[in-house]
Amino acid sequence: MSMSRTSRTKERLVVIGGDAAGMSAASQARRLKGPHALEIVAFERGHFTSYSACGIPYWVGGDVAEREQLIARTPEEHRARDIDLRIRTEVTEIDVEGARVRSRDLASGAESWTPYDKLVIATGARPIRPQLPGVDAPGVHGVQTLDDGQALLDTLAATQGRRAVVVGAGYIGVEMAEALIKRGYEVTVVNRSKEPMATLDPDMGALVHKAMEGLGITMVNDAEVTELPTGDDGRVRAVATEDAEYPADVVVLGIGVRPETTLAKAAGLPLGEHHGLLTDLAMRVRGHENIWAGGDCVEVLDLVSGSERHIPLGTHANKHGQVIGANVGGGYATFPGVVGTAVSKVCDLEIARTGLREKDARRVGLQFEAVTVESTSRAGYYPGAEPMTVKMLAERRTGRLLGVQIVGGEGAGKRVDIAAVALTAGMTVEQMTALDLGYAPPFSPVWDPILVAARKAVAAVRAHGV
């Protein structure tokens, strides 16, 4: 039985979740408070800790040779830093009133209560699994954790057929489709939206569609999956829509993720519109002095729209952990919010976005101008210049930058960082035209494509009387 709070000689931090946010928080708290002042107990229900979930598609596709390359810090390394890390142990209940958590050892089934003085909830997100016939059949995989990635690789190794269907065409769906192509599979992507990459506007998603078909991927858009038919052996054999059936030896769900807040909801902690935990700027759960939350299980402030959003990214999770660890450790730090920056690729095509799409801007009642420019990643005469398309949104009355989307060849994607900084600073598109960006023919045209788009946006805004 665990010691009560009154019988302990030092403060105890309990962390639920052993990946980016949870272990960053634990490590930062340990740096600030030595082992004599703070006891840290962390629970992780999987086999692995502190790993790059973003790297799983590249591991599946063979770009990353070994699973261990995705692990930043092993359980043994955390334990060597005086963190009592318990893997394969699932927290099943948070007792807020009693300041304790109930956990279950997944190997033995043994349950116990662990009191806490401070609690960090970093339970991550879970893949969306639609309630369809056959969705739980063998051969159907979500890809969110290293355990998920290993299970998929095990299935691929044991499967004779070479037909794969990916359901969904967001970041994970697109990346997994490419990974399966690299492994020699015949790949079909079934997507409910008009174009792949719904995080882009459809006109930019159409460019991704073309690139995917160029890889040999069959794209099925505007299609709703109705069933995952199974064979006599119980394994998945196809993905069915209202209009067709697509044979499958393996199915990957790339529909997206939801915050894993089952424990938090049962404990009565505050959740937002997207079912993520709500925190203050210090990442403290609202209304609870000694409970923090971070990573994919929380909602964050969108600095452009002013609303709360769920944006599951490892970059945010690590920042959340650093902020939480600083505050738990006696310091002070805040996480002000995000602008929604993301980058990905399909083969040689780079895909990036930051800020608002057209439908995002309309939803929050913003009037805007949208412009699109075609340019190249380098000076047009320099070898290796790749075409790129930049779409920019600016607020109609003020000229404030609202969002940027980029699709293009090598050197295109990371240009989105210029726009991310401009959005964070609240710059107008006219102010952007004066940015002093680096130039040489191997790196960009004289007028960088971002600045060309900004100039066109200025003209569009002025045409409406600003």
Protein backbone atom coordinates (compact mmCIF):
# COMPACT_ATOMS: atom_id res chain seq x y z
CA MET A 1 0.00 0.00 0.00
CA SER A 2 1.29 3.50 -0.85
CA MET A 3 2.21 5.92 1.87
CA SER A 4 -0.31 8.64 2.67
CA ARG A 5 0.52 12.26 1.90
CA THR A 6 1.00 13.07 5.56
CA SER A 7 3.54 10.30 6.15
CA ARG A 8 5.81 11.25 3.24
CA THR A 9 8.89 13.35 3.86
CA LYS A 10 9.07 14.95 0.42
CA GLU A 11 6.71 16.19 -2.26
CA ARG A 12 5.51 13.72 -4.90
CA LEU A 13 4.87 14.47 -8.55
CA VAL A 14 2.82 11.88 -10.44
CA VAL A 15 2.93 11.88 -14.24
CA ILE A 16 0.40 10.02 -16.39
CA GLY A 17 1.95 9.35 -19.81
CA GLY A 18 5.56 8.61 -20.67
CA ASP A 19 6.07 10.36 -23.99
CA ALA A 20 6.95 13.93 -25.01
CA ALA A 21 4.92 16.13 -22.66
CA GLY A 22 4.95 13.85 -19.62
CA MET A 23 8.64 12.99 -19.60
CA SER A 24 9.73 16.50 -20.61
CA ALA A 25 7.81 17.77 -17.58
CA ALA A 26 9.33 15.12 -15.32
CA SER A 27 12.87 15.77 -16.57
CA GLN A 28 12.58 19.55 -16.26
CA ALA A 29 11.13 19.27 -12.75
CA ARG A 30 13.97 16.93 -11.79
CA ARG A 31 16.55 19.44 -13.11
CA LEU A 32 15.05 22.23 -11.04
CA LYS A 33 14.40 20.19 -7.91
CA GLY A 34 16.85 17.56 -6.81
CA PRO A 35 15.80 14.06 -5.77
CA HIS A 36 15.87 15.05 -2.09
CA ALA A 37 13.11 17.63 -2.60
CA LEU A 38 10.86 15.91 -5.11
CA GLU A 39 9.82 12.32 -5.73
CA ILE A 40 8.63 11.61 -9.29
CA VAL A 41 6.46 8.64 -10.25
CA ALA A 42 5.51 8.26 -13.93
CA PHE A 43 3.09 5.76 -15.49
CA GLU A 44 3.21 4.59 -19.12
CA ARG A 45 0.89 1.88 -20.40
CA GLY A 46 3.02 1.09 -23.47
CA HIS A 47 6.47 -0.43 -23.81
CA PHE A 48 8.28 2.76 -24.83
CA THR A 49 8.98 6.27 -23.57
CA SER A 50 10.12 9.59 -25.05
CA TYR A 51 9.84 8.60 -28.70
CA SER A 52 9.02 10.33 -31.97
CA ALA A 53 5.54 9.30 -33.06
CA CYS A 54 6.01 11.62 -36.06
CA GLY A 55 8.75 9.29 -37.28
CA ILE A 56 6.58 6.15 -37.38
CA PRO A 57 5.60 6.46 -41.08
CA TYR A 58 9.28 6.79 -42.02
CA TRP A 59 10.12 3.71 -39.94
CA VAL A 60 7.32 1.75 -41.60
CA GLY A 61 8.49 2.95 -45.02
CA GLY A 62 12.10 1.99 -44.37
CA ASP A 63 13.64 5.48 -44.30
CA VAL A 64 14.39 4.86 -40.61
CA ALA A 65 15.98 1.45 -40.27
CA GLU A 66 15.51 0.67 -36.57
CA ARG A 67 12.73 1.39 -34.09
CA GLU A 68 15.30 2.44 -31.48
CA GLN A 69 16.33 5.39 -33.66
CA LEU A 70 12.97 6.98 -32.81
CA ILE A 71 13.52 6.71 -29.04
CA ALA A 72 15.05 9.81 -27.48
CA ARG A 73 15.32 8.40 -23.95
CA THR A 74 14.68 4.87 -22.70
CA PRO A 75 12.93 3.92 -19.44
CA GLU A 76 16.33 2.96 -17.99
CA GLU A 77 17.72 6.40 -18.79
CA HIS A 78 14.78 8.08 -17.05
CA ARG A 79 15.19 5.82 -14.00
CA ALA A 80 18.87 6.72 -13.84
CA ARG A 81 17.69 10.30 -13.25
CA ASP A 82 15.67 9.31 -10.17
CA ILE A 83 12.34 9.09 -11.98
CA ASP A 84 10.30 6.09 -10.86
CA LEU A 85 9.02 5.16 -14.31
CA ARG A 86 6.55 2.27 -14.46
CA ILE A 87 5.96 0.99 -18.00
CA ARG A 88 3.14 -1.35 -18.98
CA THR A 89 1.18 0.23 -16.14
CA GLU A 90 -2.11 1.93 -16.95
CA VAL A 91 -3.75 4.60 -14.82
CA THR A 92 -7.44 3.69 -14.58
CA GLU A 93 -8.77 6.45 -12.31
CA ILE A 94 -7.92 9.92 -11.05
CA ASP A 95 -9.33 10.70 -7.61
CA VAL A 96 -9.13 14.49 -7.53
CA GLU A 97 -10.73 14.78 -4.09
CA GLY A 98 -8.30 12.29 -2.56
CA ALA A 99 -5.30 13.49 -4.64
CA ARG A 100 -4.40 10.00 -5.83
CA VAL A 101 -4.45 7.83 -8.94
CA ARG A 102 -5.34 4.17 -9.34
CA SER A 103 -3.08 2.11 -11.62
CA ARG A 104 -3.07 -1.43 -12.98
CA ASP A 105 -0.01 -3.48 -13.88
CA LEU A 106 -0.88 -4.83 -17.33
CA ALA A 107 1.25 -7.94 -16.86
CA SER A 108 0.00 -9.08 -13.47
CA GLY A 109 -3.34 -7.26 -13.25
CA ALA A 110 -2.43 -5.95 -9.79
CA GLU A 111 -3.99 -2.61 -8.86
CA SER A 112 -2.83 0.06 -6.42
CA TRP A 113 -3.39 3.68 -5.43
CA THR A 114 -0.61 6.29 -5.59
CA PRO A 115 -1.11 9.61 -3.77
CA TYR A 116 0.22 12.80 -5.33
CA ASP A 117 0.96 16.36 -4.30
CA LYS A 118 1.17 17.49 -7.92
CA LEU A 119 -0.22 15.71 -10.98
CA VAL A 120 0.66 15.97 -14.67
CA ILE A 121 -1.79 14.54 -17.20
CA ALA A 122 -0.10 13.73 -20.50
CA THR A 123 -2.33 10.98 -21.85
CA GLY A 124 -1.89 11.97 -25.50
CA ALA A 125 -4.39 11.27 -28.26
CA ARG A 126 -6.00 8.17 -29.70
CA PRO A 127 -6.61 7.35 -33.38
CA ILE A 128 -10.18 7.88 -34.49
CA ARG A 129 -11.78 4.47 -35.05
CA PRO A 130 -15.22 4.96 -36.61
CA GLN A 131 -17.95 2.65 -35.35
CA LEU A 132 -18.12 0.53 -38.49
CA PRO A 133 -18.60 -3.20 -38.99
CA GLY A 134 -15.17 -4.83 -39.13
CA VAL A 135 -13.18 -1.89 -37.73
CA ASP A 136 -11.74 -4.06 -34.94
CA ALA A 137 -10.88 -7.00 -37.22
CA PRO A 138 -7.29 -8.28 -37.47
CA GLY A 139 -5.41 -6.41 -40.18
CA VAL A 140 -6.92 -3.00 -39.31
CA HIS A 141 -4.40 -0.65 -37.72
CA GLY A 142 -4.27 2.81 -36.20
CA VAL A 143 -0.84 4.40 -36.05
CA GLN A 144 -0.28 6.59 -32.99
CA THR A 145 2.32 4.90 -30.77
CA LEU A 146 5.47 2.83 -31.27
CA ASP A 147 3.43 -0.19 -30.17
CA ASP A 148 0.98 0.61 -33.00
CA GLY A 149 3.84 0.90 -35.48
CA GLN A 150 5.31 -2.40 -34.37
CA ALA A 151 1.92 -4.12 -34.65
CA LEU A 152 1.53 -2.82 -38.22
CA LEU A 153 5.01 -4.01 -39.20
CA ASP A 154 4.26 -7.42 -37.70
CA THR A 155 1.09 -7.63 -39.81
CA LEU A 156 2.93 -6.57 -42.96
CA ALA A 157 5.57 -9.25 -42.34
CA ALA A 158 2.93 -11.96 -41.87
CA THR A 159 0.62 -10.95 -44.74
CA GLN A 160 0.96 -12.62 -48.13
CA GLY A 161 -1.12 -10.13 -50.12
CA ARG A 162 0.18 -6.75 -51.29
CA ARG A 163 -2.98 -4.64 -51.28
CA ALA A 164 -3.27 -1.84 -48.74
CA VAL A 165 -6.09 0.64 -48.19
CA VAL A 166 -5.56 3.80 -46.15
CA VAL A 167 -8.72 5.38 -44.76
CA GLY A 168 -8.28 9.14 -44.51
CA ALA A 169 -5.90 11.55 -46.23
CA GLY A 170 -4.64 13.83 -43.50
CA TYR A 171 -0.97 13.98 -42.52
CA ILE A 172 -0.83 10.43 -41.18
CA GLY A 173 -2.89 9.01 -44.02
CA VAL A 174 -0.76 10.62 -46.72
CA GLU A 175 2.52 9.69 -45.04
CA MET A 176 1.40 6.10 -44.46
CA ALA A 177 0.27 5.79 -48.08
CA GLU A 178 3.76 6.76 -49.24
CA ALA A 179 5.36 4.40 -46.71
CA LEU A 180 3.29 1.47 -48.00
CA ILE A 181 4.14 2.31 -51.61
CA LYS A 182 7.82 2.17 -50.63
CA ARG A 183 7.23 -1.30 -49.17
CA GLY A 184 5.88 -2.49 -52.52
CA TYR A 185 2.16 -2.39 -51.76
CA GLU A 186 -0.63 -1.47 -54.13
CA VAL A 187 -2.16 1.46 -52.23
CA THR A 188 -5.64 2.97 -52.35
CA VAL A 189 -6.56 5.99 -50.21
CA VAL A 190 -10.25 6.44 -49.40
CA ASN A 191 -10.95 10.01 -48.33
CA ARG A 192 -14.23 11.62 -47.30
CA SER A 193 -13.11 15.15 -48.27
CA LYS A 194 -13.04 16.71 -51.72
CA GLU A 195 -9.23 16.56 -51.81
CA PRO A 196 -6.46 15.08 -49.63
CA MET A 197 -4.95 17.14 -46.82
CA ALA A 198 -8.07 18.80 -45.44
CA THR A 199 -5.74 21.01 -43.40
CA LEU A 200 -5.25 22.84 -46.72
CA ASP A 201 -7.86 24.58 -48.83
CA PRO A 202 -9.17 22.28 -51.61
CA ASP A 203 -7.35 24.17 -54.37
CA MET A 204 -4.03 23.45 -52.65
CA GLY A 205 -5.08 19.91 -51.75
CA ALA A 206 -5.59 19.26 -55.47
CA LEU A 207 -1.83 19.70 -55.95
CA VAL A 208 -1.22 16.99 -53.33
CA HIS A 209 -3.78 14.76 -55.09
CA LYS A 210 -1.84 15.02 -58.35
CA ALA A 211 1.44 14.17 -56.62
CA MET A 212 -0.06 11.13 -54.89
CA GLU A 213 -1.40 9.77 -58.16
CA GLY A 214 2.07 10.34 -59.63
CA LEU A 215 3.41 7.96 -56.98
CA GLY A 216 0.99 5.28 -58.14
CA ILE A 217 -1.48 5.79 -55.28
CA THR A 218 -5.17 5.40 -56.21
CA MET A 219 -7.10 8.33 -54.72
CA VAL A 220 -10.80 7.95 -53.94
CA ASN A 221 -12.18 11.29 -52.75
CA ASP A 222 -15.67 12.31 -51.59
CA ALA A 223 -16.16 8.75 -50.35
CA GLU A 224 -17.63 7.65 -47.03
CA VAL A 225 -16.52 4.27 -45.67
CA THR A 226 -19.52 2.16 -44.65
CA GLU A 227 -17.95 -1.17 -43.70
CA LEU A 228 -14.69 -3.12 -43.45
CA PRO A 229 -15.77 -6.55 -44.78
CA THR A 230 -13.99 -9.56 -43.33
CA GLY A 231 -13.19 -13.01 -44.71
CA ASP A 232 -14.00 -16.46 -43.34
CA ASP A 233 -10.88 -16.21 -41.15
CA GLY A 234 -12.18 -13.02 -39.53
CA ARG A 235 -9.47 -10.83 -41.05
CA VAL A 236 -10.23 -7.66 -42.96
CA ARG A 237 -10.48 -8.25 -46.72
CA ALA A 238 -11.77 -4.92 -48.10
CA VAL A 239 -12.91 -1.37 -47.46
CA ALA A 240 -16.45 -0.68 -48.62
CA THR A 241 -18.10 2.63 -49.49
CA GLU A 242 -21.66 3.27 -50.67
CA ASP A 243 -20.50 2.93 -54.28
CA ALA A 244 -17.63 0.43 -54.34
CA GLU A 245 -15.49 -2.10 -52.51
CA TYR A 246 -11.69 -1.92 -52.43
CA PRO A 247 -9.83 -5.18 -51.72
CA ALA A 248 -7.38 -4.97 -48.81
CA ASP A 249 -4.91 -7.29 -47.15
CA VAL A 250 -4.14 -4.55 -44.60
CA VAL A 251 -6.03 -1.38 -43.66
CA VAL A 252 -4.48 1.68 -42.02
CA LEU A 253 -6.72 4.25 -40.34
CA GLY A 254 -5.40 7.74 -41.04
CA ILE A 255 -8.57 9.59 -40.13
CA GLY A 256 -6.96 11.64 -37.39
CA VAL A 257 -6.86 11.58 -33.61
CA ARG A 258 -8.89 12.77 -30.65
CA PRO A 259 -7.61 13.86 -27.23
CA GLU A 260 -7.34 10.88 -24.88
CA THR A 261 -9.26 12.45 -22.00
CA THR A 262 -11.35 9.51 -20.76
CA LEU A 263 -9.69 9.66 -17.32
CA ALA A 264 -9.95 13.44 -17.12
CA LYS A 265 -13.63 13.44 -18.06
CA ALA A 266 -14.44 10.77 -15.47
CA ALA A 267 -12.59 12.86 -12.86
CA GLY A 268 -14.70 15.92 -13.68
CA LEU A 269 -11.86 17.99 -15.10
CA PRO A 270 -12.76 20.76 -17.60
CA LEU A 271 -12.83 19.82 -21.29
CA GLY A 272 -13.23 22.07 -24.31
CA GLU A 273 -15.24 21.92 -27.52
CA HIS A 274 -12.81 19.41 -29.03
CA HIS A 275 -12.83 17.24 -25.85
CA GLY A 276 -9.31 18.32 -24.86
CA LEU A 277 -8.35 19.47 -21.39
CA LEU A 278 -8.49 23.22 -20.79
CA THR A 279 -5.50 24.87 -19.12
CA ASP A 280 -4.27 28.34 -18.25
CA LEU A 281 -1.11 29.90 -19.71
CA ALA A 282 1.02 27.98 -17.19
CA MET A 283 -0.54 24.71 -18.48
CA ARG A 284 -2.35 24.26 -15.15
CA VAL A 285 -5.77 22.62 -15.54
CA ARG A 286 -8.33 25.35 -15.06
CA GLY A 287 -9.70 25.43 -11.54
CA HIS A 288 -7.14 22.99 -10.13
CA GLU A 289 -4.07 24.36 -8.37
CA ASN A 290 -1.98 21.19 -8.37
CA ILE A 291 -2.92 19.54 -11.68
CA TRP A 292 -1.23 20.30 -15.00
CA ALA A 293 -1.83 18.91 -18.48
CA GLY A 294 0.06 19.01 -21.77
CA GLY A 295 0.59 17.38 -25.14
CA ASP A 296 -2.04 15.90 -27.41
CA CYS A 297 -4.66 15.68 -24.64
CA VAL A 298 -5.08 19.47 -24.31
CA GLU A 299 -6.60 22.28 -26.32
CA VAL A 300 -4.48 25.35 -27.02
CA LEU A 301 -5.17 28.96 -27.91
CA ASP A 302 -5.04 29.80 -31.61
CA LEU A 303 -3.32 33.20 -31.67
CA VAL A 304 -4.81 34.09 -35.06
CA SER A 305 -8.49 33.28 -34.50
CA GLY A 306 -8.57 33.68 -30.72
CA SER A 307 -10.34 30.33 -30.27
CA GLU A 308 -9.27 27.05 -28.67
CA ARG A 309 -8.02 24.30 -31.01
CA HIS A 310 -6.74 20.75 -30.76
CA ILE A 311 -3.42 20.54 -32.62
CA PRO A 312 -1.57 17.31 -31.79
CA LEU A 313 2.11 17.90 -32.58
CA GLY A 314 5.31 16.80 -30.88
CA THR A 315 6.69 20.34 -31.02
CA HIS A 316 3.85 21.61 -28.85
CA ALA A 317 4.03 18.61 -26.51
CA ASN A 318 7.70 19.16 -25.74
CA LYS A 319 7.11 22.87 -25.11
CA HIS A 320 4.16 22.07 -22.84
CA GLY A 321 6.36 19.68 -20.87
CA GLN A 322 9.09 22.28 -20.44
CA VAL A 323 6.55 24.83 -19.19
CA ILE A 324 4.90 22.36 -16.80
CA GLY A 325 8.25 21.14 -15.46
CA ALA A 326 9.39 24.69 -14.82
CA ASN A 327 6.21 25.50 -12.88
CA VAL A 328 6.18 22.24 -10.93
CA GLY A 329 9.86 22.75 -10.14
CA GLY A 330 9.28 26.12 -8.53
CA GLY A 331 9.99 28.39 -11.51
CA TYR A 332 7.58 30.17 -13.81
CA ALA A 333 6.87 29.69 -17.51
CA THR A 334 3.94 30.09 -19.87
CA PHE A 335 2.73 28.69 -23.18
CA PRO A 336 0.98 31.58 -24.97
CA GLY A 337 -0.55 29.62 -27.85
CA VAL A 338 0.03 28.51 -31.44
CA VAL A 339 -0.55 29.66 -34.99
CA GLY A 340 -1.12 26.16 -36.40
CA THR A 341 2.09 25.50 -38.32
CA ALA A 342 2.67 22.08 -39.88
CA VAL A 343 4.82 20.63 -42.64
CA SER A 344 4.88 17.28 -44.39
CA LYS A 345 5.86 15.67 -47.71
CA VAL A 346 4.71 13.23 -50.36
CA CYS A 347 7.75 11.88 -52.18
CA ASP A 348 9.51 15.08 -53.34
CA LEU A 349 6.48 17.33 -52.83
CA GLU A 350 6.62 19.46 -49.68
CA ILE A 351 3.37 20.54 -48.02
CA ALA A 352 3.13 23.28 -45.40
CA ARG A 353 0.54 25.48 -43.74
CA THR A 354 0.22 27.98 -40.93
CA GLY A 355 -2.63 30.14 -39.66
CA LEU A 356 -6.17 29.96 -41.01
CA ARG A 357 -7.68 28.29 -44.05
CA GLU A 358 -10.52 30.02 -45.87
CA LYS A 359 -13.17 28.06 -43.96
CA ASP A 360 -11.43 28.81 -40.64
CA ALA A 361 -11.52 32.53 -41.36
CA ARG A 362 -15.19 32.37 -42.37
CA ARG A 363 -16.10 30.39 -39.25
CA VAL A 364 -14.78 33.13 -36.96
CA GLY A 365 -16.39 35.88 -39.04
CA LEU A 366 -13.28 37.35 -40.67
CA GLN A 367 -13.46 39.06 -44.06
CA PHE A 368 -10.37 38.32 -46.09
CA GLU A 369 -8.60 38.31 -49.41
CA ALA A 370 -6.95 35.13 -50.72
CA VAL A 371 -4.18 35.25 -53.31
CA THR A 372 -2.11 32.52 -54.96
CA VAL A 373 1.27 32.86 -56.68
CA GLU A 374 3.45 30.47 -58.67
CA SER A 375 7.20 30.76 -58.17
CA THR A 376 10.34 28.65 -57.76
CA SER A 377 12.37 27.54 -54.75
CA ARG A 378 15.58 29.00 -56.23
CA ALA A 379 16.42 31.52 -58.93
CA GLY A 380 14.79 30.15 -62.07
CA TYR A 381 18.12 29.90 -63.89
CA TYR A 382 19.88 28.05 -61.06
CA PRO A 383 20.09 24.23 -61.32
CA GLY A 384 17.55 22.42 -59.16
CA ALA A 385 14.97 25.21 -59.08
CA GLU A 386 11.64 23.60 -58.15
CA PRO A 387 8.15 24.99 -58.78
CA MET A 388 6.15 26.05 -55.75
CA THR A 389 2.70 27.47 -55.10
CA VAL A 390 2.02 29.89 -52.24
CA LYS A 391 -1.47 30.81 -51.06
CA MET A 392 -1.87 33.71 -48.63
CA LEU A 393 -4.87 35.04 -46.71
CA ALA A 394 -5.04 38.63 -45.41
CA GLU A 395 -7.75 40.39 -43.43
CA ARG A 396 -9.66 42.73 -45.69
CA ARG A 397 -9.87 45.87 -43.53
CA THR A 398 -6.52 45.72 -41.75
CA GLY A 399 -4.24 43.76 -44.07
CA ARG A 400 -3.29 41.49 -41.15
CA LEU A 401 -1.78 38.20 -42.28
CA LEU A 402 -4.21 35.35 -41.56
CA GLY A 403 -2.63 32.28 -43.10
CA VAL A 404 -0.24 30.77 -45.61
CA GLN A 405 -0.23 27.43 -47.46
CA ILE A 406 2.70 26.18 -49.54
CA VAL A 407 2.97 23.20 -51.88
CA GLY A 408 6.16 22.69 -53.90
CA GLY A 409 9.45 20.97 -54.49
CA GLU A 410 12.55 20.81 -52.33
CA GLY A 411 13.08 24.03 -50.39
CA ALA A 412 9.41 25.03 -50.39
CA GLY A 413 8.06 23.65 -47.12
CA LYS A 414 10.21 25.31 -44.48
CA ARG A 415 9.47 28.74 -45.97
CA VAL A 416 6.26 28.48 -43.96
CA ASP A 417 8.34 29.40 -40.90
CA ILE A 418 8.62 32.98 -42.22
CA ALA A 419 4.84 33.20 -42.20
CA ALA A 420 4.62 31.56 -38.76
CA VAL A 421 6.84 34.27 -37.29
CA ALA A 422 4.85 36.99 -39.06
CA LEU A 423 1.58 35.55 -37.72
CA THR A 424 2.95 35.34 -34.19
CA ALA A 425 4.06 38.99 -34.42
CA GLY A 426 0.66 40.06 -35.81
CA MET A 427 2.23 41.56 -38.93
CA THR A 428 0.31 42.93 -41.89
CA VAL A 429 1.08 41.75 -45.39
CA GLU A 430 2.42 45.21 -46.18
CA GLN A 431 4.89 44.95 -43.31
CA MET A 432 5.93 41.56 -44.64
CA THR A 433 6.95 43.00 -48.01
CA ALA A 434 9.79 44.83 -46.24
CA LEU A 435 11.20 41.73 -44.51
CA ASP A 436 14.95 41.42 -45.00
CA LEU A 437 15.17 37.77 -46.05
CA GLY A 438 18.32 35.98 -47.12
CA TYR A 439 18.95 35.85 -50.86
CA ALA A 440 21.34 34.09 -53.19
CA PRO A 441 20.41 32.23 -56.41
CA PRO A 442 20.88 28.75 -54.83
CA PHE A 443 18.32 29.61 -52.13
CA SER A 444 15.60 31.78 -53.66
CA PRO A 445 14.62 34.17 -56.43
CA VAL A 446 15.41 37.86 -55.81
CA TRP A 447 11.86 38.21 -54.55
CA ASP A 448 11.21 35.27 -52.25
CA PRO A 449 7.89 33.54 -53.05
CA ILE A 450 6.55 34.51 -49.62
CA LEU A 451 7.21 38.18 -50.39
CA VAL A 452 5.71 37.87 -53.87
CA ALA A 453 2.53 36.53 -52.26
CA ALA A 454 2.59 39.33 -49.68
CA ARG A 455 2.85 41.97 -52.44
CA LYS A 456 -0.10 40.41 -54.26
CA ALA A 457 -2.09 40.32 -51.00
CA VAL A 458 -1.34 44.01 -50.40
CA ALA A 459 -2.74 44.83 -53.84
CA ALA A 460 -5.86 42.76 -53.18
CA VAL A 461 -6.46 44.44 -49.82
CA ARG A 462 -5.96 47.93 -51.30
CA ALA A 463 -8.39 47.13 -54.09
CA HIS A 464 -11.05 46.88 -51.39
CA GLY A 465 -10.42 50.37 -50.07
CA VAL A 466 -7.84 49.88 -47.32
